[in-house]
Amino acid sequence: MRIEVNKDACTGHARCFMAAPEVYQIDDFGYNQIGSGDIAAELEEAARKGAAACPERAIDIR
């Protein structure tokens, strides 16, 4: 599974982090900092929850 975060679309709500802190990293202002990369199989459900929590839909999971 691969995750991609559109940092330009992120507005700093930090909802992804609140839903899945084991997957998402945010800065001091709430902006997602992970960019893109592969996610371990055991974190797939958490990654999807975090992506679903994003009001801007800035997180794409493939």
N, C-alpha and C. Protein backbone atom coordinates (compact mmCIF):
# COMPACT_ATOMS: atom_id res chain seq x y z
N MET A 1 0.83 -1.17 0.00
CA MET A 1 0.00 0.00 0.00
C MET A 1 0.89 1.24 0.00
N ARG A 2 0.46 2.23 -0.76
CA ARG A 2 1.22 3.48 -0.87
C ARG A 2 0.32 4.65 -0.48
N ILE A 3 0.91 5.62 0.18
CA ILE A 3 0.18 6.81 0.60
C ILE A 3 0.86 8.04 -0.01
N GLU A 4 0.04 8.98 -0.45
CA GLU A 4 0.55 10.24 -0.98
C GLU A 4 -0.26 11.38 -0.39
N VAL A 5 0.44 12.38 0.14
CA VAL A 5 -0.21 13.53 0.74
C VAL A 5 0.06 14.75 -0.14
N ASN A 6 -1.01 15.39 -0.54
CA ASN A 6 -0.90 16.63 -1.30
C ASN A 6 -0.72 17.75 -0.29
N LYS A 7 0.51 18.15 -0.05
CA LYS A 7 0.80 19.16 0.97
C LYS A 7 0.20 20.52 0.62
N ASP A 8 -0.01 20.78 -0.67
CA ASP A 8 -0.63 22.05 -1.07
C ASP A 8 -2.11 22.09 -0.69
N ALA A 9 -2.75 20.93 -0.65
CA ALA A 9 -4.17 20.85 -0.30
C ALA A 9 -4.39 20.80 1.21
N CYS A 10 -3.38 20.39 1.96
CA CYS A 10 -3.50 20.29 3.42
C CYS A 10 -3.65 21.68 4.02
N THR A 11 -4.66 21.84 4.89
CA THR A 11 -4.88 23.15 5.52
C THR A 11 -4.63 23.12 7.02
N GLY A 12 -4.06 22.02 7.53
CA GLY A 12 -3.61 22.00 8.91
C GLY A 12 -4.65 21.66 9.96
N HIS A 13 -5.70 20.95 9.59
CA HIS A 13 -6.70 20.55 10.58
C HIS A 13 -6.18 19.47 11.53
N ALA A 14 -5.19 18.70 11.08
CA ALA A 14 -4.58 17.60 11.85
C ALA A 14 -5.53 16.46 12.15
N ARG A 15 -6.61 16.36 11.40
CA ARG A 15 -7.56 15.27 11.63
C ARG A 15 -6.98 13.92 11.28
N CYS A 16 -6.10 13.88 10.28
CA CYS A 16 -5.45 12.61 9.94
C CYS A 16 -4.64 12.10 11.13
N PHE A 17 -3.92 12.99 11.75
CA PHE A 17 -3.09 12.64 12.91
C PHE A 17 -3.95 12.21 14.09
N MET A 18 -5.05 12.91 14.32
CA MET A 18 -5.93 12.54 15.42
C MET A 18 -6.54 11.16 15.21
N ALA A 19 -6.82 10.80 13.95
CA ALA A 19 -7.41 9.50 13.64
C ALA A 19 -6.38 8.38 13.63
N ALA A 20 -5.14 8.70 13.26
CA ALA A 20 -4.12 7.66 13.11
C ALA A 20 -2.73 8.21 13.39
N PRO A 21 -2.41 8.50 14.64
CA PRO A 21 -1.10 9.07 14.96
C PRO A 21 0.07 8.13 14.68
N GLU A 22 -0.22 6.85 14.56
CA GLU A 22 0.83 5.89 14.25
C GLU A 22 1.26 5.95 12.78
N VAL A 23 0.48 6.62 11.95
CA VAL A 23 0.77 6.71 10.52
C VAL A 23 1.21 8.12 10.12
N TYR A 24 0.47 9.12 10.58
CA TYR A 24 0.67 10.49 10.11
C TYR A 24 1.52 11.30 11.07
N GLN A 25 2.34 12.16 10.49
CA GLN A 25 3.19 13.08 11.24
C GLN A 25 2.77 14.50 10.86
N ILE A 26 2.67 15.36 11.85
CA ILE A 26 2.29 16.74 11.57
C ILE A 26 3.34 17.69 12.15
N ASP A 27 3.34 18.91 11.64
CA ASP A 27 4.25 19.92 12.19
C ASP A 27 3.56 20.65 13.34
N ASP A 28 4.18 21.66 13.85
CA ASP A 28 3.64 22.41 14.99
C ASP A 28 2.35 23.16 14.67
N PHE A 29 2.03 23.28 13.39
CA PHE A 29 0.84 24.01 12.98
C PHE A 29 -0.27 23.09 12.50
N GLY A 30 -0.05 21.77 12.56
CA GLY A 30 -1.07 20.80 12.18
C GLY A 30 -0.99 20.31 10.75
N TYR A 31 0.02 20.75 10.00
CA TYR A 31 0.15 20.33 8.61
C TYR A 31 0.83 18.97 8.50
N ASN A 32 0.29 18.14 7.63
CA ASN A 32 0.82 16.80 7.42
C ASN A 32 2.22 16.88 6.83
N GLN A 33 3.15 16.09 7.35
CA GLN A 33 4.54 16.15 6.94
C GLN A 33 5.07 14.88 6.29
N ILE A 34 4.23 13.89 6.05
CA ILE A 34 4.80 12.63 5.56
C ILE A 34 5.06 12.58 4.07
N GLY A 35 4.40 13.39 3.29
CA GLY A 35 4.64 13.37 1.85
C GLY A 35 4.10 12.11 1.21
N SER A 36 4.98 11.21 0.80
CA SER A 36 4.52 9.95 0.19
C SER A 36 5.44 8.82 0.62
N GLY A 37 4.91 7.62 0.50
CA GLY A 37 5.70 6.45 0.84
C GLY A 37 4.85 5.22 1.02
N ASP A 38 5.50 4.12 1.27
CA ASP A 38 4.81 2.85 1.48
C ASP A 38 4.40 2.72 2.93
N ILE A 39 3.26 2.08 3.14
CA ILE A 39 2.72 1.85 4.47
C ILE A 39 2.72 0.35 4.74
N ALA A 40 3.16 -0.04 5.91
CA ALA A 40 3.17 -1.46 6.29
C ALA A 40 1.74 -2.00 6.34
N ALA A 41 1.59 -3.26 6.02
CA ALA A 41 0.28 -3.89 5.96
C ALA A 41 -0.51 -3.73 7.26
N GLU A 42 0.17 -3.79 8.39
CA GLU A 42 -0.54 -3.68 9.67
C GLU A 42 -1.06 -2.27 9.96
N LEU A 43 -0.63 -1.29 9.17
CA LEU A 43 -1.08 0.09 9.36
C LEU A 43 -2.09 0.55 8.31
N GLU A 44 -2.50 -0.35 7.41
CA GLU A 44 -3.41 0.02 6.33
C GLU A 44 -4.74 0.57 6.84
N GLU A 45 -5.34 -0.10 7.80
CA GLU A 45 -6.63 0.35 8.31
C GLU A 45 -6.51 1.73 8.94
N ALA A 46 -5.47 1.95 9.73
CA ALA A 46 -5.26 3.25 10.35
C ALA A 46 -5.02 4.32 9.29
N ALA A 47 -4.25 4.01 8.26
CA ALA A 47 -3.98 4.97 7.19
C ALA A 47 -5.27 5.37 6.49
N ARG A 48 -6.15 4.42 6.26
CA ARG A 48 -7.43 4.71 5.61
C ARG A 48 -8.31 5.59 6.51
N LYS A 49 -8.30 5.32 7.80
CA LYS A 49 -9.08 6.14 8.74
C LYS A 49 -8.58 7.59 8.73
N GLY A 50 -7.28 7.75 8.74
CA GLY A 50 -6.72 9.10 8.69
C GLY A 50 -7.06 9.82 7.41
N ALA A 51 -6.98 9.10 6.29
CA ALA A 51 -7.31 9.70 5.00
C ALA A 51 -8.79 10.09 4.95
N ALA A 52 -9.65 9.26 5.49
CA ALA A 52 -11.08 9.55 5.49
C ALA A 52 -11.40 10.75 6.37
N ALA A 53 -10.58 11.01 7.37
CA ALA A 53 -10.82 12.13 8.29
C ALA A 53 -10.42 13.48 7.69
N CYS A 54 -9.68 13.48 6.60
CA CYS A 54 -9.19 14.72 6.00
C CYS A 54 -10.33 15.43 5.26
N PRO A 55 -10.72 16.64 5.71
CA PRO A 55 -11.81 17.35 5.04
C PRO A 55 -11.46 17.84 3.63
N GLU A 56 -10.17 17.99 3.34
CA GLU A 56 -9.74 18.44 2.02
C GLU A 56 -9.48 17.29 1.06
N ARG A 57 -9.53 16.06 1.56
CA ARG A 57 -9.20 14.87 0.77
C ARG A 57 -7.80 15.01 0.17
N ALA A 58 -6.87 15.45 1.00
CA ALA A 58 -5.50 15.68 0.56
C ALA A 58 -4.65 14.42 0.61
N ILE A 59 -5.23 13.30 1.08
CA ILE A 59 -4.47 12.07 1.25
C ILE A 59 -5.01 11.03 0.28
N ASP A 60 -4.12 10.47 -0.54
CA ASP A 60 -4.48 9.44 -1.51
C ASP A 60 -3.81 8.14 -1.11
N ILE A 61 -4.59 7.08 -1.05
CA ILE A 61 -4.06 5.76 -0.69
C ILE A 61 -4.29 4.82 -1.86
N ARG A 62 -3.25 4.11 -2.24
CA ARG A 62 -3.33 3.18 -3.40
C ARG A 62 -2.86 1.81 -3.01
